[in-house]
N, C-alpha and C. Protein backbone atom coordinates (compact mmCIF):
# COMPACT_ATOMS: atom_id res chain seq x y z
N UNK A 1 124.01 173.15 34.50
CA UNK A 1 124.83 172.89 33.30
C UNK A 1 126.28 173.23 33.61
N UNK A 2 127.20 172.32 33.41
CA UNK A 2 128.60 172.56 33.69
C UNK A 2 129.29 173.19 32.49
N UNK A 3 130.53 173.65 32.71
CA UNK A 3 131.28 174.29 31.64
C UNK A 3 131.50 173.35 30.47
N UNK A 4 131.58 172.04 30.71
CA UNK A 4 131.88 171.09 29.65
C UNK A 4 130.63 170.66 28.89
N UNK A 5 129.45 171.08 29.31
CA UNK A 5 128.21 170.66 28.65
C UNK A 5 127.34 171.88 28.36
N UNK A 6 127.93 172.85 27.70
CA UNK A 6 127.22 174.09 27.44
C UNK A 6 126.30 174.00 26.23
N UNK A 7 126.37 172.91 25.50
CA UNK A 7 125.53 172.79 24.33
C UNK A 7 126.26 173.27 23.08
N UNK A 8 125.50 173.44 22.01
CA UNK A 8 126.09 173.77 20.72
C UNK A 8 126.71 175.17 20.72
N UNK A 9 127.85 175.27 20.09
CA UNK A 9 128.51 176.56 19.92
C UNK A 9 127.97 177.23 18.68
N UNK A 10 127.65 178.50 18.77
CA UNK A 10 127.15 179.26 17.62
C UNK A 10 128.33 179.74 16.79
N UNK A 11 128.54 179.20 15.58
CA UNK A 11 129.70 179.62 14.77
C UNK A 11 129.64 181.08 14.37
N UNK A 12 128.44 181.66 14.31
CA UNK A 12 128.34 183.09 13.97
C UNK A 12 128.98 183.94 15.05
N UNK A 13 128.75 183.58 16.32
CA UNK A 13 129.35 184.34 17.41
C UNK A 13 130.87 184.26 17.35
N UNK A 14 131.39 183.07 17.10
CA UNK A 14 132.83 182.90 17.04
C UNK A 14 133.41 183.71 15.88
N UNK A 15 132.77 183.65 14.73
CA UNK A 15 133.26 184.38 13.56
C UNK A 15 133.23 185.89 13.79
N UNK A 16 132.14 186.39 14.40
CA UNK A 16 132.04 187.83 14.65
C UNK A 16 133.08 188.27 15.67
N UNK A 17 133.27 187.45 16.71
CA UNK A 17 134.29 187.78 17.70
C UNK A 17 135.66 187.85 17.04
N UNK A 18 136.00 186.88 16.23
CA UNK A 18 137.32 186.85 15.61
C UNK A 18 137.49 188.01 14.63
N UNK A 19 136.43 188.35 13.91
CA UNK A 19 136.51 189.50 13.00
C UNK A 19 136.81 190.77 13.78
N UNK A 20 136.10 190.95 14.92
CA UNK A 20 136.36 192.12 15.74
C UNK A 20 137.76 192.12 16.31
N UNK A 21 138.23 190.94 16.72
CA UNK A 21 139.59 190.83 17.26
C UNK A 21 140.61 191.28 16.24
N UNK A 22 140.45 190.87 14.98
CA UNK A 22 141.42 191.26 13.95
C UNK A 22 141.37 192.76 13.68
N UNK A 23 140.19 193.36 13.75
CA UNK A 23 140.11 194.81 13.57
C UNK A 23 140.77 195.55 14.71
N UNK A 24 140.55 195.06 15.93
CA UNK A 24 141.17 195.67 17.09
C UNK A 24 142.68 195.58 17.04
N UNK A 25 143.19 194.44 16.58
CA UNK A 25 144.64 194.22 16.56
C UNK A 25 145.29 194.66 15.24
N UNK A 26 144.46 195.12 14.29
CA UNK A 26 144.95 195.59 12.99
C UNK A 26 145.73 194.51 12.26
N UNK A 27 145.19 193.30 12.24
CA UNK A 27 145.76 192.20 11.48
C UNK A 27 144.92 191.98 10.23
N UNK A 28 145.36 191.14 9.31
CA UNK A 28 144.48 190.76 8.19
C UNK A 28 143.22 190.07 8.72
N UNK A 29 142.12 190.13 7.97
CA UNK A 29 140.88 189.49 8.43
C UNK A 29 140.98 187.98 8.41
N UNK A 30 140.10 187.28 9.13
CA UNK A 30 140.12 185.82 9.14
C UNK A 30 139.80 185.26 7.76
N UNK A 31 140.40 184.10 7.45
CA UNK A 31 140.10 183.38 6.22
C UNK A 31 139.81 181.93 6.57
N UNK A 32 138.99 181.26 5.77
CA UNK A 32 138.68 179.85 6.00
C UNK A 32 139.91 178.99 5.74
N UNK A 33 140.15 178.02 6.62
CA UNK A 33 141.32 177.16 6.46
C UNK A 33 141.14 175.93 7.35
N UNK A 34 141.34 174.72 6.79
CA UNK A 34 141.28 173.46 7.53
C UNK A 34 139.98 173.29 8.31
N UNK A 35 138.90 173.79 7.79
CA UNK A 35 137.62 173.64 8.46
C UNK A 35 137.38 174.64 9.57
N UNK A 36 138.32 175.55 9.78
CA UNK A 36 138.17 176.60 10.77
C UNK A 36 138.48 177.95 10.16
N UNK A 37 139.00 178.84 10.97
CA UNK A 37 139.38 180.16 10.51
C UNK A 37 140.84 180.41 10.86
N UNK A 38 141.56 181.07 9.96
CA UNK A 38 142.97 181.37 10.17
C UNK A 38 143.19 182.88 10.17
N UNK A 39 144.01 183.34 11.10
CA UNK A 39 144.42 184.75 11.12
C UNK A 39 145.94 184.80 11.04
N UNK A 40 146.45 185.48 10.04
CA UNK A 40 147.90 185.66 9.90
C UNK A 40 148.31 186.88 10.72
N UNK A 41 148.56 186.65 12.00
CA UNK A 41 148.83 187.75 12.92
C UNK A 41 150.14 188.44 12.56
N UNK A 42 151.18 187.66 12.29
CA UNK A 42 152.43 188.23 11.80
C UNK A 42 153.34 188.81 12.86
N UNK A 43 153.11 188.50 14.14
CA UNK A 43 153.99 188.99 15.20
C UNK A 43 155.07 187.95 15.51
N UNK A 44 156.21 188.37 16.02
CA UNK A 44 157.28 187.40 16.30
C UNK A 44 156.84 186.27 17.23
N UNK A 45 156.02 186.57 18.24
CA UNK A 45 155.60 185.56 19.19
C UNK A 45 154.16 185.09 18.97
N UNK A 46 153.56 185.49 17.87
CA UNK A 46 152.26 184.95 17.45
C UNK A 46 152.14 185.13 15.94
N UNK A 47 152.62 184.12 15.23
CA UNK A 47 152.66 184.23 13.78
C UNK A 47 151.29 183.99 13.17
N UNK A 48 150.64 182.89 13.59
CA UNK A 48 149.36 182.49 13.02
C UNK A 48 148.49 181.94 14.14
N UNK A 49 147.18 182.19 14.06
CA UNK A 49 146.25 181.52 14.96
C UNK A 49 145.14 180.87 14.13
N UNK A 50 144.84 179.63 14.46
CA UNK A 50 143.74 178.89 13.85
C UNK A 50 142.63 178.77 14.89
N UNK A 51 141.41 179.02 14.49
CA UNK A 51 140.28 179.00 15.42
C UNK A 51 139.23 178.03 14.90
N UNK A 52 138.79 177.11 15.78
CA UNK A 52 137.79 176.10 15.43
C UNK A 52 136.63 176.18 16.40
N UNK A 53 135.42 176.00 15.88
CA UNK A 53 134.24 176.03 16.75
C UNK A 53 134.00 174.70 17.44
N UNK A 54 134.64 173.64 16.97
CA UNK A 54 134.46 172.34 17.60
C UNK A 54 135.69 171.48 17.34
N UNK A 55 135.85 170.46 18.16
CA UNK A 55 136.95 169.53 17.97
C UNK A 55 136.63 168.56 16.84
N UNK A 56 137.65 168.16 16.11
CA UNK A 56 137.46 167.22 15.02
C UNK A 56 138.79 166.78 14.48
N UNK A 57 138.79 165.86 13.52
CA UNK A 57 140.06 165.32 13.00
C UNK A 57 140.93 166.36 12.32
N UNK A 58 140.35 167.48 11.89
CA UNK A 58 141.16 168.50 11.22
C UNK A 58 142.20 169.09 12.17
N UNK A 59 141.89 169.14 13.46
CA UNK A 59 142.82 169.78 14.39
C UNK A 59 144.09 168.95 14.58
N UNK A 60 144.01 167.65 14.93
CA UNK A 60 145.26 166.88 15.05
C UNK A 60 145.98 166.74 13.72
N UNK A 61 145.24 166.70 12.61
CA UNK A 61 145.89 166.62 11.30
C UNK A 61 146.70 167.88 11.04
N UNK A 62 146.14 169.04 11.36
CA UNK A 62 146.87 170.29 11.19
C UNK A 62 148.04 170.36 12.16
N UNK A 63 147.80 169.94 13.40
CA UNK A 63 148.88 169.99 14.40
C UNK A 63 150.09 169.17 13.96
N UNK A 64 149.84 168.07 13.27
CA UNK A 64 150.94 167.20 12.83
C UNK A 64 151.82 167.86 11.77
N UNK A 65 151.33 168.90 11.13
CA UNK A 65 152.10 169.60 10.09
C UNK A 65 152.89 170.78 10.64
N UNK A 66 152.66 171.12 11.90
CA UNK A 66 153.30 172.28 12.51
C UNK A 66 154.40 171.80 13.44
N UNK A 67 155.60 172.36 13.28
CA UNK A 67 156.74 171.90 14.07
C UNK A 67 157.48 173.04 14.75
N UNK A 68 156.92 174.24 14.69
CA UNK A 68 157.59 175.40 15.26
C UNK A 68 156.65 176.11 16.25
N UNK A 69 157.20 176.82 17.23
CA UNK A 69 156.35 177.57 18.16
C UNK A 69 155.75 178.80 17.50
N UNK A 70 154.87 179.45 18.24
CA UNK A 70 154.21 180.70 17.83
C UNK A 70 153.16 180.49 16.75
N UNK A 71 152.69 179.24 16.61
CA UNK A 71 151.56 178.90 15.75
C UNK A 71 150.49 178.33 16.69
N UNK A 72 149.36 179.01 16.83
CA UNK A 72 148.40 178.68 17.88
C UNK A 72 147.15 178.00 17.31
N UNK A 73 146.73 176.96 17.99
CA UNK A 73 145.46 176.29 17.69
C UNK A 73 144.48 176.63 18.80
N UNK A 74 143.31 177.16 18.43
CA UNK A 74 142.30 177.58 19.40
C UNK A 74 140.99 176.90 19.06
N UNK A 75 140.26 176.46 20.07
CA UNK A 75 139.01 175.75 19.82
C UNK A 75 138.04 175.98 20.97
N UNK A 76 136.76 175.90 20.64
CA UNK A 76 135.70 175.99 21.64
C UNK A 76 135.55 174.63 22.30
N UNK A 77 136.37 174.39 23.31
CA UNK A 77 136.43 173.08 23.96
C UNK A 77 137.14 173.24 25.29
N UNK A 78 137.05 172.22 26.11
CA UNK A 78 137.78 172.22 27.37
C UNK A 78 139.25 171.89 27.10
N UNK A 79 140.14 172.34 27.99
CA UNK A 79 141.55 171.98 27.81
C UNK A 79 141.77 170.48 27.80
N UNK A 80 141.01 169.75 28.63
CA UNK A 80 141.19 168.29 28.69
C UNK A 80 140.85 167.64 27.35
N UNK A 81 139.75 168.09 26.73
CA UNK A 81 139.35 167.52 25.45
C UNK A 81 140.34 167.88 24.35
N UNK A 82 140.85 169.11 24.39
CA UNK A 82 141.83 169.54 23.40
C UNK A 82 143.13 168.76 23.57
N UNK A 83 143.56 168.59 24.80
CA UNK A 83 144.80 167.88 25.07
C UNK A 83 144.73 166.43 24.60
N UNK A 84 143.56 165.82 24.67
CA UNK A 84 143.41 164.41 24.34
C UNK A 84 143.60 164.13 22.86
N UNK A 85 143.45 165.13 21.99
CA UNK A 85 143.54 164.87 20.55
C UNK A 85 144.85 165.38 19.94
N UNK A 86 145.70 166.00 20.75
CA UNK A 86 146.92 166.59 20.20
C UNK A 86 148.14 165.74 20.50
N UNK A 87 149.05 165.62 19.54
CA UNK A 87 150.27 164.84 19.77
C UNK A 87 151.31 165.68 20.53
N UNK A 88 152.31 165.04 21.12
CA UNK A 88 153.44 165.79 21.66
C UNK A 88 154.13 166.54 20.50
N UNK A 89 154.73 167.68 20.75
CA UNK A 89 154.95 168.34 22.05
C UNK A 89 153.93 169.45 22.32
N UNK A 90 152.73 169.36 21.78
CA UNK A 90 151.74 170.42 21.96
C UNK A 90 151.36 170.54 23.44
N UNK A 91 151.17 171.77 23.88
CA UNK A 91 150.78 172.06 25.25
C UNK A 91 149.51 172.91 25.22
N UNK A 92 148.61 172.67 26.16
CA UNK A 92 147.33 173.38 26.20
C UNK A 92 147.31 174.33 27.39
N UNK A 93 146.95 175.57 27.15
CA UNK A 93 146.91 176.60 28.18
C UNK A 93 145.62 176.50 29.00
N UNK A 94 145.56 177.18 30.15
CA UNK A 94 144.30 177.27 30.90
C UNK A 94 143.22 177.90 30.02
N UNK A 95 141.95 177.57 30.28
CA UNK A 95 140.89 178.01 29.36
C UNK A 95 140.59 179.50 29.45
N UNK A 96 140.10 180.01 28.32
CA UNK A 96 139.43 181.30 28.30
C UNK A 96 137.94 181.03 28.21
N UNK A 97 137.14 182.09 28.17
CA UNK A 97 135.69 181.97 28.20
C UNK A 97 135.08 182.94 27.20
N UNK A 98 134.45 182.40 26.16
CA UNK A 98 133.72 183.25 25.22
C UNK A 98 132.39 183.61 25.86
N UNK A 99 132.17 184.92 26.06
CA UNK A 99 131.00 185.37 26.80
C UNK A 99 130.17 186.32 25.95
N UNK A 100 128.89 186.39 26.28
CA UNK A 100 127.96 187.26 25.54
C UNK A 100 127.17 188.11 26.51
N UNK A 101 126.70 189.25 26.00
CA UNK A 101 125.82 190.13 26.77
C UNK A 101 124.81 190.69 25.78
N UNK A 102 123.57 190.28 25.91
CA UNK A 102 122.55 190.62 24.92
C UNK A 102 121.71 191.83 25.29
N UNK A 103 122.12 192.58 26.25
CA UNK A 103 121.41 193.80 26.62
C UNK A 103 122.34 194.73 27.35
N UNK A 104 121.86 195.85 27.84
CA UNK A 104 122.71 196.75 28.62
C UNK A 104 123.29 196.05 29.83
N UNK A 105 124.53 196.35 30.15
CA UNK A 105 125.15 195.77 31.34
C UNK A 105 124.38 196.21 32.57
N UNK A 106 124.31 195.33 33.54
CA UNK A 106 123.47 195.55 34.71
C UNK A 106 124.32 195.63 35.97
N UNK A 107 123.65 195.80 37.10
CA UNK A 107 124.33 195.76 38.39
C UNK A 107 125.21 196.96 38.63
N UNK A 108 126.30 196.72 39.34
CA UNK A 108 127.14 197.84 39.77
C UNK A 108 127.75 198.59 38.59
N UNK A 109 128.02 197.88 37.49
CA UNK A 109 128.63 198.58 36.37
C UNK A 109 127.69 199.63 35.81
N UNK A 110 126.40 199.33 35.79
CA UNK A 110 125.44 200.29 35.27
C UNK A 110 125.33 201.52 36.15
N UNK A 111 125.78 201.40 37.40
CA UNK A 111 125.66 202.52 38.31
C UNK A 111 126.90 203.40 38.34
N UNK A 112 127.95 203.00 37.64
CA UNK A 112 129.17 203.78 37.67
C UNK A 112 128.93 205.12 36.98
N UNK A 113 129.11 206.18 37.70
CA UNK A 113 128.85 207.50 37.12
C UNK A 113 130.09 208.30 36.88
N UNK A 114 131.24 207.87 37.37
CA UNK A 114 132.46 208.63 37.20
C UNK A 114 133.66 207.85 37.68
N UNK A 115 134.75 208.57 37.83
CA UNK A 115 136.01 207.96 38.25
C UNK A 115 136.42 208.48 39.62
N UNK A 116 137.22 207.72 40.33
CA UNK A 116 137.75 208.25 41.60
C UNK A 116 138.58 209.50 41.36
N UNK A 117 138.75 210.29 42.39
CA UNK A 117 139.56 211.50 42.28
C UNK A 117 140.97 211.14 41.82
N UNK A 118 141.52 211.96 40.96
CA UNK A 118 142.88 211.75 40.47
C UNK A 118 142.97 211.00 39.16
N UNK A 119 141.85 210.57 38.60
CA UNK A 119 141.84 209.85 37.33
C UNK A 119 141.04 210.62 36.29
N UNK A 120 141.41 210.47 35.04
CA UNK A 120 140.63 211.07 33.96
C UNK A 120 140.43 210.04 32.84
N UNK A 121 139.34 210.19 32.13
CA UNK A 121 138.98 209.26 31.05
C UNK A 121 139.30 209.90 29.70
N UNK A 122 139.97 209.15 28.84
CA UNK A 122 140.28 209.59 27.48
C UNK A 122 139.62 208.63 26.50
N UNK A 123 138.92 209.16 25.51
CA UNK A 123 138.21 208.36 24.52
C UNK A 123 138.78 208.64 23.14
N UNK A 124 139.07 207.58 22.40
CA UNK A 124 139.56 207.71 21.03
C UNK A 124 138.62 206.92 20.12
N UNK A 125 137.87 207.62 19.28
CA UNK A 125 136.93 206.97 18.38
C UNK A 125 137.55 206.83 17.00
N UNK A 126 137.66 205.58 16.53
CA UNK A 126 138.25 205.33 15.23
C UNK A 126 137.25 204.79 14.24
N UNK A 127 137.67 204.66 12.99
CA UNK A 127 136.78 204.18 11.94
C UNK A 127 136.44 202.70 12.13
N UNK A 128 137.39 201.91 12.63
CA UNK A 128 137.17 200.48 12.81
C UNK A 128 137.07 200.08 14.28
N UNK A 129 137.81 200.74 15.13
CA UNK A 129 137.85 200.39 16.55
C UNK A 129 137.95 201.66 17.38
N UNK A 130 137.39 201.62 18.57
CA UNK A 130 137.47 202.74 19.50
C UNK A 130 138.09 202.27 20.79
N UNK A 131 138.73 203.17 21.50
CA UNK A 131 139.41 202.79 22.73
C UNK A 131 139.13 203.81 23.83
N UNK A 132 139.30 203.33 25.05
CA UNK A 132 139.14 204.14 26.24
C UNK A 132 140.37 203.95 27.11
N UNK A 133 140.88 205.04 27.64
CA UNK A 133 142.02 205.00 28.56
C UNK A 133 141.66 205.74 29.84
N UNK A 134 142.04 205.16 30.96
CA UNK A 134 141.95 205.86 32.24
C UNK A 134 143.37 206.21 32.64
N UNK A 135 143.61 207.51 32.79
CA UNK A 135 144.96 208.01 33.08
C UNK A 135 145.02 208.48 34.53
N UNK A 136 146.05 208.07 35.23
CA UNK A 136 146.24 208.46 36.63
C UNK A 136 146.79 209.88 36.71
N UNK A 137 146.82 210.41 37.92
CA UNK A 137 147.24 211.79 38.15
C UNK A 137 148.67 212.02 37.70
N UNK A 138 149.53 211.00 37.80
CA UNK A 138 150.92 211.15 37.40
C UNK A 138 151.14 210.93 35.91
N UNK A 139 150.05 210.72 35.16
CA UNK A 139 150.14 210.54 33.72
C UNK A 139 150.28 209.11 33.26
N UNK A 140 150.38 208.17 34.19
CA UNK A 140 150.53 206.76 33.82
C UNK A 140 149.18 206.17 33.42
N UNK A 141 149.24 205.12 32.62
CA UNK A 141 148.03 204.43 32.17
C UNK A 141 147.54 203.50 33.27
N UNK A 142 146.32 203.73 33.76
CA UNK A 142 145.78 202.93 34.85
C UNK A 142 144.88 201.81 34.34
N UNK A 143 144.11 202.06 33.29
CA UNK A 143 143.20 201.05 32.74
C UNK A 143 142.89 201.42 31.30
N UNK A 144 142.50 200.42 30.53
CA UNK A 144 142.21 200.69 29.12
C UNK A 144 141.38 199.56 28.53
N UNK A 145 140.84 199.79 27.35
CA UNK A 145 140.08 198.77 26.65
C UNK A 145 139.71 199.25 25.26
N UNK A 146 139.31 198.29 24.43
CA UNK A 146 138.92 198.56 23.04
C UNK A 146 137.55 197.95 22.78
N UNK A 147 136.83 198.53 21.83
CA UNK A 147 135.58 197.95 21.37
C UNK A 147 135.48 198.12 19.87
N UNK A 148 134.97 197.09 19.21
CA UNK A 148 134.84 197.08 17.75
C UNK A 148 133.42 196.68 17.39
N UNK A 149 132.68 197.53 16.67
CA UNK A 149 131.35 197.11 16.20
C UNK A 149 131.46 196.25 14.95
N UNK A 150 130.78 195.10 14.98
CA UNK A 150 130.69 194.22 13.81
C UNK A 150 129.22 193.85 13.66
N UNK A 151 128.54 194.49 12.71
CA UNK A 151 127.09 194.34 12.58
C UNK A 151 126.43 194.76 13.90
N UNK A 152 125.58 193.91 14.47
CA UNK A 152 124.94 194.28 15.73
C UNK A 152 125.79 193.93 16.95
N UNK A 153 126.96 193.36 16.73
CA UNK A 153 127.81 192.93 17.83
C UNK A 153 128.85 193.99 18.20
N UNK A 154 129.15 194.06 19.49
CA UNK A 154 130.25 194.87 19.99
C UNK A 154 131.28 193.91 20.56
N UNK A 155 132.48 193.89 19.97
CA UNK A 155 133.53 192.99 20.43
C UNK A 155 134.45 193.79 21.33
N UNK A 156 134.54 193.36 22.60
CA UNK A 156 135.38 194.03 23.58
C UNK A 156 136.72 193.32 23.63
N UNK A 157 137.81 194.09 23.70
CA UNK A 157 139.13 193.50 23.60
C UNK A 157 140.13 194.28 24.45
N UNK A 158 141.13 193.58 24.93
CA UNK A 158 142.24 194.18 25.69
C UNK A 158 141.74 195.04 26.85
N UNK A 159 140.83 194.50 27.64
CA UNK A 159 140.35 195.19 28.82
C UNK A 159 141.36 194.93 29.94
N UNK A 160 142.07 195.95 30.34
CA UNK A 160 143.16 195.77 31.28
C UNK A 160 143.16 196.87 32.34
N UNK A 161 143.50 196.49 33.56
CA UNK A 161 143.72 197.46 34.64
C UNK A 161 145.08 197.17 35.24
N UNK A 162 145.91 198.17 35.34
CA UNK A 162 147.23 198.01 35.94
C UNK A 162 147.07 197.51 37.38
N UNK A 163 147.88 196.52 37.80
CA UNK A 163 147.73 195.98 39.15
C UNK A 163 147.76 197.03 40.25
N UNK A 164 148.50 198.11 40.06
CA UNK A 164 148.59 199.13 41.10
C UNK A 164 147.31 199.94 41.23
N UNK A 165 146.39 199.79 40.26
CA UNK A 165 145.17 200.61 40.27
C UNK A 165 143.90 199.77 40.33
N UNK A 166 144.03 198.52 40.71
CA UNK A 166 142.85 197.65 40.76
C UNK A 166 142.02 197.90 42.01
N UNK A 167 140.79 197.35 41.98
CA UNK A 167 139.84 197.47 43.08
C UNK A 167 139.41 198.92 43.33
N UNK A 168 139.37 199.71 42.26
CA UNK A 168 138.90 201.09 42.38
C UNK A 168 137.77 201.37 41.38
N UNK A 169 137.26 200.32 40.74
CA UNK A 169 136.17 200.48 39.79
C UNK A 169 136.58 200.97 38.42
N UNK A 170 137.89 200.98 38.13
CA UNK A 170 138.35 201.50 36.84
C UNK A 170 137.96 200.58 35.69
N UNK A 171 138.04 199.27 35.91
CA UNK A 171 137.65 198.35 34.85
C UNK A 171 136.17 198.48 34.51
N UNK A 172 135.35 198.66 35.52
CA UNK A 172 133.92 198.85 35.29
C UNK A 172 133.67 200.15 34.53
N UNK A 173 134.41 201.20 34.89
CA UNK A 173 134.25 202.47 34.19
C UNK A 173 134.65 202.36 32.72
N UNK A 174 135.72 201.61 32.46
CA UNK A 174 136.14 201.39 31.07
C UNK A 174 135.06 200.65 30.30
N UNK A 175 134.52 199.58 30.88
CA UNK A 175 133.48 198.80 30.19
C UNK A 175 132.24 199.65 29.92
N UNK A 176 131.86 200.46 30.89
CA UNK A 176 130.67 201.30 30.70
C UNK A 176 130.88 202.31 29.59
N UNK A 177 132.07 202.91 29.54
CA UNK A 177 132.37 203.87 28.48
C UNK A 177 132.41 203.19 27.12
N UNK A 178 132.99 201.99 27.07
CA UNK A 178 133.04 201.26 25.80
C UNK A 178 131.63 200.87 25.35
N UNK A 179 130.78 200.49 26.29
CA UNK A 179 129.41 200.16 25.94
C UNK A 179 128.70 201.35 25.31
N UNK A 180 128.94 202.54 25.85
CA UNK A 180 128.35 203.73 25.26
C UNK A 180 128.81 203.95 23.83
N UNK A 181 130.10 203.75 23.57
CA UNK A 181 130.62 203.90 22.21
C UNK A 181 130.01 202.86 21.28
N UNK A 182 129.86 201.63 21.78
CA UNK A 182 129.29 200.57 20.95
C UNK A 182 127.85 200.89 20.57
N UNK A 183 127.08 201.35 21.51
CA UNK A 183 125.67 201.65 21.24
C UNK A 183 125.52 202.84 20.30
N UNK A 184 126.42 203.80 20.39
CA UNK A 184 126.41 204.91 19.43
C UNK A 184 126.64 204.41 18.01
N UNK A 185 127.40 203.30 17.87
CA UNK A 185 127.68 202.72 16.56
C UNK A 185 126.62 201.71 16.13
N UNK A 186 125.58 201.51 16.96
CA UNK A 186 124.50 200.59 16.62
C UNK A 186 124.71 199.16 17.03
N UNK A 187 125.75 198.88 17.82
CA UNK A 187 126.03 197.52 18.28
C UNK A 187 125.41 197.31 19.65
N UNK A 188 124.57 196.29 19.79
CA UNK A 188 123.82 196.08 21.03
C UNK A 188 124.10 194.75 21.70
N UNK A 189 124.84 193.86 21.04
CA UNK A 189 125.14 192.54 21.62
C UNK A 189 126.64 192.44 21.86
N UNK A 190 127.02 192.18 23.11
CA UNK A 190 128.43 192.15 23.45
C UNK A 190 129.05 190.78 23.30
N UNK A 191 130.32 190.76 22.90
CA UNK A 191 131.13 189.54 22.79
C UNK A 191 132.52 189.81 23.33
N UNK A 192 133.06 188.87 24.08
CA UNK A 192 134.45 188.97 24.52
C UNK A 192 134.94 187.60 24.95
N UNK A 193 136.25 187.46 25.03
CA UNK A 193 136.87 186.27 25.60
C UNK A 193 137.55 186.69 26.89
N UNK A 194 137.18 186.06 28.00
CA UNK A 194 137.64 186.47 29.32
C UNK A 194 138.58 185.44 29.92
N UNK A 195 139.40 185.91 30.85
CA UNK A 195 140.18 185.04 31.72
C UNK A 195 139.31 184.62 32.91
N UNK A 196 139.87 183.83 33.80
CA UNK A 196 139.14 183.45 35.01
C UNK A 196 138.70 184.67 35.81
N UNK A 197 139.63 185.59 36.05
CA UNK A 197 139.31 186.79 36.83
C UNK A 197 138.29 187.64 36.10
N UNK A 198 138.46 187.80 34.80
CA UNK A 198 137.53 188.61 34.04
C UNK A 198 136.14 188.01 34.01
N UNK A 199 136.06 186.70 33.88
CA UNK A 199 134.76 186.04 33.86
C UNK A 199 133.97 186.33 35.13
N UNK A 200 134.66 186.25 36.27
CA UNK A 200 133.98 186.49 37.54
C UNK A 200 133.38 187.89 37.59
N UNK A 201 134.09 188.87 37.06
CA UNK A 201 133.58 190.24 37.04
C UNK A 201 132.41 190.38 36.07
N UNK A 202 132.58 189.88 34.86
CA UNK A 202 131.56 190.09 33.83
C UNK A 202 130.24 189.41 34.19
N UNK A 203 130.31 188.25 34.84
CA UNK A 203 129.07 187.56 35.20
C UNK A 203 128.24 188.37 36.20
N UNK A 204 128.90 189.21 37.01
CA UNK A 204 128.15 190.02 37.97
C UNK A 204 127.43 191.19 37.33
N UNK A 205 127.75 191.48 36.08
CA UNK A 205 127.14 192.65 35.44
C UNK A 205 126.36 192.27 34.18
N UNK A 206 125.94 191.00 34.07
CA UNK A 206 125.02 190.64 33.02
C UNK A 206 125.55 189.82 31.87
N UNK A 207 126.83 189.45 31.92
CA UNK A 207 127.40 188.63 30.86
C UNK A 207 127.16 187.15 31.16
N UNK A 208 127.06 186.34 30.09
CA UNK A 208 126.82 184.90 30.21
C UNK A 208 127.89 184.13 29.46
N UNK A 209 128.25 182.99 30.02
CA UNK A 209 129.22 182.11 29.36
C UNK A 209 128.56 181.40 28.18
N UNK A 210 129.18 181.51 27.01
CA UNK A 210 128.70 180.77 25.83
C UNK A 210 129.48 179.47 25.66
N UNK A 211 130.80 179.53 25.79
CA UNK A 211 131.60 178.33 25.63
C UNK A 211 132.99 178.55 26.20
N UNK A 212 133.62 177.45 26.58
CA UNK A 212 135.04 177.49 26.88
C UNK A 212 135.81 177.75 25.59
N UNK A 213 136.99 178.34 25.73
CA UNK A 213 137.80 178.68 24.57
C UNK A 213 139.25 178.41 24.95
N UNK A 214 139.81 177.34 24.40
CA UNK A 214 141.16 176.96 24.84
C UNK A 214 142.18 177.12 23.71
N UNK A 215 143.42 177.19 24.12
CA UNK A 215 144.54 177.48 23.22
C UNK A 215 145.63 176.43 23.39
N UNK A 216 146.17 175.96 22.27
CA UNK A 216 147.29 175.02 22.28
C UNK A 216 148.44 175.60 21.48
N UNK A 217 149.65 175.27 21.92
CA UNK A 217 150.85 175.74 21.23
C UNK A 217 151.98 174.76 21.44
N UNK A 218 152.99 174.83 20.58
CA UNK A 218 154.25 174.14 20.81
C UNK A 218 155.09 175.08 21.66
N UNK A 219 155.47 174.67 22.86
CA UNK A 219 156.22 175.59 23.72
C UNK A 219 157.52 176.05 23.05
N UNK A 220 157.81 177.35 23.16
CA UNK A 220 159.07 177.84 22.60
C UNK A 220 160.25 177.30 23.39
N UNK A 221 161.43 177.25 22.77
CA UNK A 221 162.61 176.74 23.50
C UNK A 221 162.95 177.62 24.69
N UNK A 222 163.44 176.99 25.73
CA UNK A 222 163.86 177.74 26.93
C UNK A 222 165.22 178.37 26.65
N UNK A 223 165.34 179.69 26.86
CA UNK A 223 166.64 180.33 26.59
C UNK A 223 167.74 179.75 27.46
N UNK A 224 168.92 179.62 26.88
CA UNK A 224 170.06 179.13 27.63
C UNK A 224 170.46 180.14 28.69
N UNK A 225 170.83 179.64 29.85
CA UNK A 225 171.25 180.52 30.95
C UNK A 225 172.71 180.88 30.78
């Protein structure tokens, strides 16, 4: 089965992921709009995001009403399919990957028992979202991530490792710690949207691709030199 023929997208997974994303980012919750979901992010470079589980006439119709940058259209589709239905000047970014993990993470991540010398793990448990930070010996942030329980789902977000600290197992340690926090909260099914690099890592530890997830935007103006 190729990436473009993954079968039906489960709208429940998309809705739960987006709900967790809004809790992690402390934005207003998603609301129904134009046959999809809308999040009023409210940031200067991301004002609104619309999320659709499938392509349809509502997307180009909505796109035709938007004439400013920082308004994002997101859909469970390939970039090629998204690009084919959008008018100029919309641009489509490289795809993300909505991924699921329906049991404990496996493989090398499950074997991570600690951190390399010189690093320490910091855990912050919140009412809506919890986070993990890996701090280097000099006090700089080496890796971090967030997890949000939504019903039985654990939504993982902002999993990042500083380039200077990669290839040391820090990302795996962050994921393992977040998984522990999620299970303490009763969440047993994982959801996240990954990049190309992230997808390659997650697939080795038990995650599966559910659907492509692409983003379109009107490119912002190029600053004058």
